[in-house]
N, C-alpha and C. Protein backbone atom coordinates (compact mmCIF):
# COMPACT_ATOMS: atom_id res chain seq x y z
N MET A 1 -3.28 -21.68 -17.87
CA MET A 1 -4.16 -20.80 -17.22
C MET A 1 -2.82 -19.49 -16.58
N PRO A 2 -3.33 -18.59 -16.76
CA PRO A 2 -2.57 -17.40 -16.36
C PRO A 2 -3.22 -17.22 -14.61
N GLU A 3 -2.00 -16.80 -13.73
CA GLU A 3 -2.56 -16.66 -12.49
C GLU A 3 -3.09 -15.53 -12.08
N LYS A 4 -4.37 -15.55 -11.00
CA LYS A 4 -5.21 -14.55 -10.86
C LYS A 4 -4.49 -13.16 -10.38
N LYS A 5 -4.72 -12.10 -10.47
CA LYS A 5 -3.94 -11.08 -10.02
C LYS A 5 -4.64 -10.65 -8.66
N ILE A 6 -3.84 -10.14 -7.77
CA ILE A 6 -4.56 -9.72 -6.41
C ILE A 6 -4.61 -8.12 -6.51
N LYS A 7 -5.62 -7.81 -5.93
CA LYS A 7 -6.08 -6.47 -5.99
C LYS A 7 -6.34 -5.94 -4.40
N ILE A 8 -5.28 -5.19 -4.17
CA ILE A 8 -5.29 -4.58 -2.84
C ILE A 8 -5.86 -3.02 -2.70
N LYS A 9 -6.56 -2.96 -1.87
CA LYS A 9 -7.03 -1.52 -2.03
C LYS A 9 -6.58 -0.74 -0.31
N ILE A 10 -6.06 0.15 -0.15
CA ILE A 10 -5.35 0.79 0.88
C ILE A 10 -6.57 1.93 1.28
N ASN A 11 -6.98 2.23 2.60
CA ASN A 11 -7.86 3.07 3.27
C ASN A 11 -6.99 3.67 4.28
N PRO A 12 -7.30 4.75 4.63
CA PRO A 12 -8.10 5.87 4.28
C PRO A 12 -7.24 6.61 3.14
N ILE A 13 -6.28 5.93 2.39
CA ILE A 13 -5.47 6.60 1.46
C ILE A 13 -6.36 6.51 0.31
N GLY A 14 -7.11 5.65 0.15
CA GLY A 14 -8.17 5.21 -1.07
C GLY A 14 -7.22 4.79 -2.44
N LYS A 15 -6.33 4.47 -2.32
CA LYS A 15 -5.34 3.83 -3.43
C LYS A 15 -5.50 2.54 -3.37
N SER A 16 -5.47 2.00 -4.52
CA SER A 16 -5.25 0.75 -4.97
C SER A 16 -4.24 0.17 -6.03
N PHE A 17 -3.71 -0.82 -6.02
CA PHE A 17 -2.66 -1.55 -6.64
C PHE A 17 -2.83 -3.11 -6.71
N ILE A 18 -2.23 -3.54 -7.78
CA ILE A 18 -2.30 -4.96 -8.31
C ILE A 18 -1.24 -5.59 -8.05
N LEU A 19 -1.20 -6.90 -7.36
CA LEU A 19 0.07 -7.70 -7.48
C LEU A 19 -0.19 -8.72 -8.42
N GLU A 20 1.14 -9.19 -8.99
CA GLU A 20 1.15 -10.34 -10.00
C GLU A 20 1.07 -11.73 -9.51
N LYS A 21 1.86 -11.68 -8.08
CA LYS A 21 1.89 -12.68 -7.35
C LYS A 21 1.73 -12.44 -5.88
N PRO A 22 1.56 -13.52 -4.90
CA PRO A 22 1.43 -13.09 -3.38
C PRO A 22 2.84 -12.63 -2.99
N ALA A 23 2.70 -11.68 -2.29
CA ALA A 23 4.10 -10.81 -1.77
C ALA A 23 3.70 -10.45 -0.10
N ASN A 24 4.77 -10.07 0.43
CA ASN A 24 5.04 -9.46 1.56
C ASN A 24 4.21 -8.21 1.69
N GLY A 25 3.52 -8.08 2.91
CA GLY A 25 2.65 -6.92 2.97
C GLY A 25 3.14 -5.88 2.78
N LEU A 26 4.35 -5.64 3.69
CA LEU A 26 4.81 -4.44 3.75
C LEU A 26 5.47 -4.07 2.55
N GLU A 27 6.73 -4.83 1.96
CA GLU A 27 7.21 -4.94 0.80
C GLU A 27 6.06 -4.45 -0.36
N ALA A 28 5.04 -5.04 -0.43
CA ALA A 28 3.82 -4.34 -1.11
C ALA A 28 3.37 -3.24 -1.34
N ILE A 29 3.20 -2.69 0.11
CA ILE A 29 2.69 -1.37 0.25
C ILE A 29 4.11 -0.41 -0.03
N ILE A 30 5.13 -0.74 0.14
CA ILE A 30 6.08 0.29 -0.10
C ILE A 30 6.38 0.48 -1.45
N ASN A 31 6.44 -0.59 -2.07
CA ASN A 31 6.71 -0.70 -3.77
C ASN A 31 5.76 -0.19 -4.59
N SER A 32 4.37 -0.12 -3.88
CA SER A 32 3.23 0.45 -4.76
C SER A 32 3.36 2.01 -4.54
N GLY A 33 4.24 2.74 -3.82
CA GLY A 33 4.60 4.10 -3.77
C GLY A 33 3.86 4.47 -2.29
N ASN A 34 3.28 3.79 -1.70
CA ASN A 34 2.60 4.08 -0.56
C ASN A 34 3.59 4.28 0.91
N LYS A 35 3.44 5.03 1.75
CA LYS A 35 4.50 5.38 2.74
C LYS A 35 4.04 4.51 4.19
N ILE A 36 4.54 3.97 4.56
CA ILE A 36 4.09 3.10 5.70
C ILE A 36 5.43 3.17 6.64
N LYS A 37 5.35 3.41 7.91
CA LYS A 37 6.31 3.20 9.19
C LYS A 37 7.00 1.65 9.07
N SER A 38 8.19 1.74 9.31
CA SER A 38 8.89 0.43 9.47
C SER A 38 10.67 0.74 9.82
N ILE A 39 10.42 0.85 11.26
CA ILE A 39 11.82 1.37 11.67
C ILE A 39 12.99 0.11 11.58
N CYS A 40 12.38 -1.13 12.00
CA CYS A 40 13.24 -2.26 11.93
C CYS A 40 13.53 -3.07 10.56
N GLY A 41 12.98 -2.22 9.54
CA GLY A 41 13.17 -2.66 8.32
C GLY A 41 12.32 -4.16 7.77
N GLY A 42 11.32 -4.25 8.64
CA GLY A 42 10.49 -5.29 8.28
C GLY A 42 10.94 -6.77 8.84
N LYS A 43 11.52 -6.83 10.04
CA LYS A 43 11.79 -7.78 10.98
C LYS A 43 11.06 -8.26 11.76
N GLY A 44 9.70 -7.42 12.08
CA GLY A 44 8.77 -7.63 12.98
C GLY A 44 9.05 -7.29 14.49
N LYS A 45 10.15 -6.33 14.52
CA LYS A 45 10.50 -5.95 15.84
C LYS A 45 9.98 -4.71 16.51
N CYS A 46 9.65 -3.70 15.62
CA CYS A 46 9.22 -2.49 15.94
C CYS A 46 7.73 -2.35 16.20
N GLY A 47 7.01 -2.82 15.52
CA GLY A 47 5.57 -3.11 15.51
C GLY A 47 5.01 -1.84 15.01
N LYS A 48 5.86 -0.98 14.07
CA LYS A 48 5.21 0.35 13.69
C LYS A 48 4.29 0.37 12.39
N CYS A 49 4.79 -1.05 11.50
CA CYS A 49 3.88 -1.03 10.41
C CYS A 49 2.53 -2.03 10.52
N ARG A 50 1.86 -1.20 11.58
CA ARG A 50 0.38 -1.92 11.94
C ARG A 50 -0.59 -1.68 10.76
N ILE A 51 -1.32 -2.87 10.75
CA ILE A 51 -2.29 -2.47 9.33
C ILE A 51 -3.50 -3.28 10.18
N ILE A 52 -4.73 -2.96 9.44
CA ILE A 52 -5.94 -3.46 9.98
C ILE A 52 -6.74 -4.08 8.71
N ILE A 53 -6.88 -5.43 9.13
CA ILE A 53 -7.71 -6.07 7.65
C ILE A 53 -8.85 -6.42 7.89
N PRO A 54 -9.79 -5.76 8.21
CA PRO A 54 -11.44 -6.25 8.93
C PRO A 54 -11.80 -7.32 8.37
N ASP A 55 -11.51 -7.94 7.07
CA ASP A 55 -12.15 -9.14 6.70
C ASP A 55 -11.41 -10.08 7.13
N ASN A 56 -9.99 -10.18 7.79
CA ASN A 56 -9.00 -11.20 7.95
C ASN A 56 -8.71 -11.18 9.56
N LYS A 57 -9.99 -11.17 10.33
CA LYS A 57 -9.81 -11.52 11.71
C LYS A 57 -9.64 -12.51 12.35
N ASN A 58 -9.87 -13.76 11.47
CA ASN A 58 -9.47 -14.96 12.10
C ASN A 58 -8.12 -15.57 11.52
N ALA A 59 -7.73 -14.67 10.60
CA ALA A 59 -6.29 -15.19 9.80
C ALA A 59 -5.33 -15.62 10.99
N PRO A 60 -4.39 -16.69 10.75
CA PRO A 60 -3.31 -17.03 11.42
C PRO A 60 -2.43 -15.60 11.76
N VAL A 61 -2.02 -15.87 13.07
CA VAL A 61 -1.18 -14.70 13.65
C VAL A 61 0.20 -15.27 13.92
N SER A 62 1.27 -14.62 13.37
CA SER A 62 2.64 -14.88 13.52
C SER A 62 3.09 -14.79 15.37
N GLU A 63 3.82 -15.70 15.38
CA GLU A 63 4.56 -15.57 16.96
C GLU A 63 4.86 -13.83 17.40
N ARG A 64 5.59 -13.11 15.90
CA ARG A 64 5.99 -11.94 16.44
C ARG A 64 5.04 -11.02 16.72
N GLU A 65 3.83 -10.96 16.13
CA GLU A 65 2.48 -10.45 16.15
C GLU A 65 1.91 -10.74 17.55
N LYS A 66 2.15 -12.02 18.27
CA LYS A 66 1.78 -12.14 19.56
C LYS A 66 2.34 -11.40 20.31
N GLU A 67 3.48 -11.33 20.24
CA GLU A 67 4.38 -10.84 21.14
C GLU A 67 4.33 -9.16 21.07
N ILE A 68 3.69 -8.52 19.96
CA ILE A 68 3.72 -7.07 19.83
C ILE A 68 2.30 -6.53 20.16
N LEU A 69 1.15 -7.58 19.64
CA LEU A 69 0.12 -6.84 19.38
C LEU A 69 -0.60 -7.46 20.66
N THR A 70 -1.50 -6.59 21.19
CA THR A 70 -2.71 -7.22 22.17
C THR A 70 -3.49 -8.15 21.61
N SER A 71 -4.16 -8.80 22.29
CA SER A 71 -5.39 -9.71 22.07
C SER A 71 -6.37 -9.17 21.56
N ASP A 72 -6.92 -7.95 21.98
CA ASP A 72 -7.81 -7.07 21.34
C ASP A 72 -7.69 -6.56 20.22
N GLU A 73 -6.40 -6.35 19.94
CA GLU A 73 -6.00 -5.49 18.33
C GLU A 73 -6.11 -6.88 17.59
N ILE A 74 -5.63 -7.98 18.08
CA ILE A 74 -5.63 -9.26 17.17
C ILE A 74 -7.05 -9.48 16.64
N LYS A 75 -7.95 -9.48 17.68
CA LYS A 75 -9.35 -9.56 17.62
C LYS A 75 -9.86 -9.02 16.67
N ARG A 76 -9.67 -7.31 16.60
CA ARG A 76 -10.19 -6.47 15.64
C ARG A 76 -9.27 -6.36 14.03
N GLY A 77 -8.57 -7.36 14.23
CA GLY A 77 -7.86 -7.47 12.71
C GLY A 77 -6.56 -6.86 12.35
N THR A 78 -6.15 -6.40 13.62
CA THR A 78 -4.68 -5.53 13.57
C THR A 78 -3.88 -6.73 13.36
N ARG A 79 -3.03 -6.35 12.27
CA ARG A 79 -1.86 -7.14 11.96
C ARG A 79 -0.40 -6.18 11.80
N LEU A 80 0.66 -6.86 11.73
CA LEU A 80 1.74 -6.03 11.36
C LEU A 80 2.03 -6.66 9.52
N ALA A 81 2.13 -5.34 8.86
CA ALA A 81 2.37 -5.58 7.45
C ALA A 81 3.46 -6.38 7.17
N CYS A 82 4.55 -6.53 7.81
CA CYS A 82 5.64 -7.00 7.51
C CYS A 82 5.63 -8.88 7.87
N GLN A 83 4.50 -9.16 8.52
CA GLN A 83 4.15 -10.42 8.96
C GLN A 83 3.10 -11.05 8.19
N GLN A 84 2.45 -10.24 7.21
CA GLN A 84 1.54 -10.70 6.43
C GLN A 84 1.96 -11.05 5.15
N THR A 85 1.06 -11.95 4.30
CA THR A 85 1.42 -11.90 3.17
C THR A 85 0.01 -12.00 2.20
N PHE A 86 0.17 -11.01 1.37
CA PHE A 86 -0.76 -10.64 0.38
C PHE A 86 -1.07 -11.72 -0.48
N ASP A 87 -2.13 -12.36 -0.55
CA ASP A 87 -2.36 -13.60 -1.32
C ASP A 87 -3.49 -13.73 -1.90
N ARG A 88 -4.52 -12.84 -1.72
CA ARG A 88 -5.85 -12.64 -2.18
C ARG A 88 -6.19 -11.18 -2.02
N ASP A 89 -7.35 -11.00 -2.78
CA ASP A 89 -7.96 -9.56 -2.94
C ASP A 89 -8.47 -8.93 -1.36
N LEU A 90 -7.64 -7.65 -1.08
CA LEU A 90 -7.98 -7.20 0.40
C LEU A 90 -8.04 -5.92 0.44
N THR A 91 -8.70 -5.58 1.30
CA THR A 91 -9.04 -4.24 1.70
C THR A 91 -8.13 -4.03 2.92
N VAL A 92 -7.10 -3.05 3.17
CA VAL A 92 -6.15 -2.89 4.10
C VAL A 92 -6.47 -1.43 4.80
N TYR A 93 -6.58 -1.06 5.93
CA TYR A 93 -6.64 0.07 6.51
C TYR A 93 -5.15 0.36 7.13
N ILE A 94 -4.67 1.55 6.82
CA ILE A 94 -3.49 1.61 7.57
C ILE A 94 -3.77 2.97 8.67
N PRO A 95 -3.89 2.58 9.76
CA PRO A 95 -4.01 3.77 10.63
C PRO A 95 -3.00 4.72 10.74
N SER A 96 -3.63 6.24 11.24
CA SER A 96 -2.60 7.29 10.93
C SER A 96 -1.29 7.14 11.74
N SER A 97 -1.16 6.02 12.83
CA SER A 97 -0.12 6.15 13.92
C SER A 97 1.16 5.31 12.88
N SER A 98 0.50 4.67 11.71
CA SER A 98 1.45 3.98 11.04
C SER A 98 1.97 4.26 9.82
N LEU A 99 1.11 5.62 9.22
CA LEU A 99 1.54 6.33 8.30
C LEU A 99 2.87 7.09 8.39
N SER A 100 3.48 6.95 7.02
CA SER A 100 4.80 7.67 7.18
C SER A 100 4.60 9.15 6.35
N GLU A 101 5.28 10.00 7.09
CA GLU A 101 5.10 11.42 6.30
C GLU A 101 6.72 11.63 5.83
N GLU A 102 6.57 12.59 5.02
CA GLU A 102 7.88 13.50 4.97
C GLU A 102 8.44 14.11 5.91
N GLN A 103 9.48 14.07 6.24
CA GLN A 103 10.25 15.05 7.36
C GLN A 103 10.17 16.40 7.06
N LYS A 104 9.57 16.92 8.00
CA LYS A 104 9.42 18.39 8.00
C LYS A 104 10.20 19.06 9.04
N PHE A 105 10.99 20.35 8.40
CA PHE A 105 11.58 21.01 9.36
C PHE A 105 11.02 22.42 9.38
N GLN A 106 11.06 22.92 10.68
CA GLN A 106 10.48 24.03 11.09
C GLN A 106 11.57 25.16 10.58
N VAL A 107 11.39 25.90 9.89
CA VAL A 107 12.46 27.21 9.66
C VAL A 107 12.08 28.38 10.06
N GLU A 108 10.63 28.80 10.51
CA GLU A 108 10.36 29.99 11.28
C GLU A 108 9.23 29.64 11.98
N GLY A 109 9.04 30.93 12.90
CA GLY A 109 8.40 30.41 14.14
C GLY A 109 8.33 31.82 14.95
N GLU A 110 7.40 31.59 15.64
CA GLU A 110 7.28 32.74 16.64
C GLU A 110 8.27 32.74 17.90
N GLU A 111 9.06 33.68 18.42
CA GLU A 111 9.89 33.78 19.43
C GLU A 111 9.20 34.63 20.62
N PRO A 112 8.89 33.91 21.64
CA PRO A 112 8.33 34.48 22.62
C PRO A 112 9.53 35.20 23.34
N ASP A 113 8.80 36.63 24.14
CA ASP A 113 9.63 37.38 24.96
C ASP A 113 10.02 36.82 26.23
N ILE A 114 11.05 36.58 26.68
CA ILE A 114 11.36 35.83 27.81
C ILE A 114 11.92 37.00 28.47
N GLU A 115 11.77 37.11 29.80
CA GLU A 115 12.46 38.25 30.56
C GLU A 115 13.35 37.35 31.70
N ALA A 116 14.68 37.62 31.62
CA ALA A 116 15.55 36.95 32.43
C ALA A 116 15.61 37.45 33.93
N ASN A 117 15.41 36.64 34.80
CA ASN A 117 15.84 36.91 36.16
C ASN A 117 16.73 36.00 36.77
N PRO A 118 18.27 35.92 36.53
CA PRO A 118 19.01 35.11 36.84
C PRO A 118 19.33 35.16 38.70
N VAL A 119 19.99 34.00 39.01
CA VAL A 119 19.95 34.32 40.48
C VAL A 119 21.47 34.94 40.68
N CYS A 120 22.45 35.17 39.59
CA CYS A 120 23.50 35.73 39.60
C CYS A 120 23.62 36.80 38.68
N ASN A 121 24.20 38.01 39.09
CA ASN A 121 24.14 39.30 38.61
C ASN A 121 25.56 39.49 38.39
N LYS A 122 25.87 40.40 37.09
CA LYS A 122 27.32 40.86 36.64
C LYS A 122 27.13 42.41 37.00
N TYR A 123 28.52 42.71 37.59
CA TYR A 123 28.68 44.03 37.99
C TYR A 123 30.01 44.57 37.53
N PHE A 124 30.21 45.70 37.05
CA PHE A 124 31.34 46.39 36.64
C PHE A 124 31.67 47.35 37.62
N LEU A 125 33.13 46.96 37.71
CA LEU A 125 33.65 47.89 38.48
C LEU A 125 34.90 48.78 38.06
N ASN A 126 35.09 50.13 38.37
CA ASN A 126 36.23 50.91 37.86
C ASN A 126 37.05 50.81 39.10
N LEU A 127 38.11 50.45 38.86
CA LEU A 127 39.22 50.43 39.72
C LEU A 127 40.36 51.24 39.44
N ASN A 128 41.11 51.95 40.38
CA ASN A 128 42.55 52.60 39.99
C ASN A 128 43.36 51.63 39.67
N LYS A 129 44.23 52.07 38.86
CA LYS A 129 45.39 51.39 38.31
C LYS A 129 46.24 50.87 39.53
N ALA A 130 46.72 49.75 39.74
CA ALA A 130 47.27 48.79 40.94
C ALA A 130 48.71 49.55 40.88
N THR A 131 48.99 49.99 42.07
CA THR A 131 50.50 50.44 42.10
C THR A 131 51.02 50.25 43.60
N LEU A 132 52.11 50.23 43.58
CA LEU A 132 52.72 49.91 45.29
C LEU A 132 53.09 50.90 46.09
N LYS A 133 52.34 51.95 45.88
CA LYS A 133 52.69 53.04 46.62
C LYS A 133 51.88 52.87 48.15
N PHE A 134 50.85 52.23 48.26
CA PHE A 134 50.34 51.98 49.73
C PHE A 134 51.66 50.94 50.29
N TYR A 135 51.99 50.00 49.51
CA TYR A 135 52.92 49.18 50.34
C TYR A 135 54.38 50.01 50.85
N TYR A 136 54.67 50.87 49.85
CA TYR A 136 55.85 51.26 50.31
C TYR A 136 55.74 52.35 51.63
N GLN A 137 54.46 52.81 51.79
CA GLN A 137 54.19 53.66 52.80
C GLN A 137 54.23 53.28 53.94
N HIS A 138 53.77 52.07 54.08
CA HIS A 138 53.59 51.19 55.22
C HIS A 138 54.74 50.21 55.65
N ASN A 139 55.46 50.08 54.64
CA ASN A 139 56.68 48.97 54.88
C ASN A 139 57.99 49.48 54.86
N THR A 140 58.30 50.70 54.79
CA THR A 140 59.50 51.57 54.68
C THR A 140 60.06 51.87 56.20
N LYS A 141 61.23 51.94 56.33
CA LYS A 141 61.62 51.98 57.42
C LYS A 141 61.43 53.70 57.59
N ARG A 142 61.33 54.04 58.90
CA ARG A 142 61.44 55.70 58.69
C ARG A 142 62.49 55.96 59.36
């Protein structure tokens, strides 16, 4: 008998994907083409890959999750994607703080007018060419 396929639905994106077999939550989300933050690379250290599994509030919590998540977050079904195994049909909510976006560079913008009022000022002086005339006038014997 063939194994049952696992359907995962991601909100608020509204995308779904099918897993052939149970898989790590973070890897499954990334491999499905969805972007989620994971600075530590799935080691459970950064806490950026937060997901909410509303119907999974009583699921076992890993020691890493206990260190990173508050007890209120755990009660609401918040978990770390890298610490979860997607082994049954699930609806997963990825909060905006965990969604990863393409890096954007600002190439244009408004430059405000700034009037400088420095503590020091620069002054230009026009001096006569230096000579030894004054020295000779006062230091020569008469």
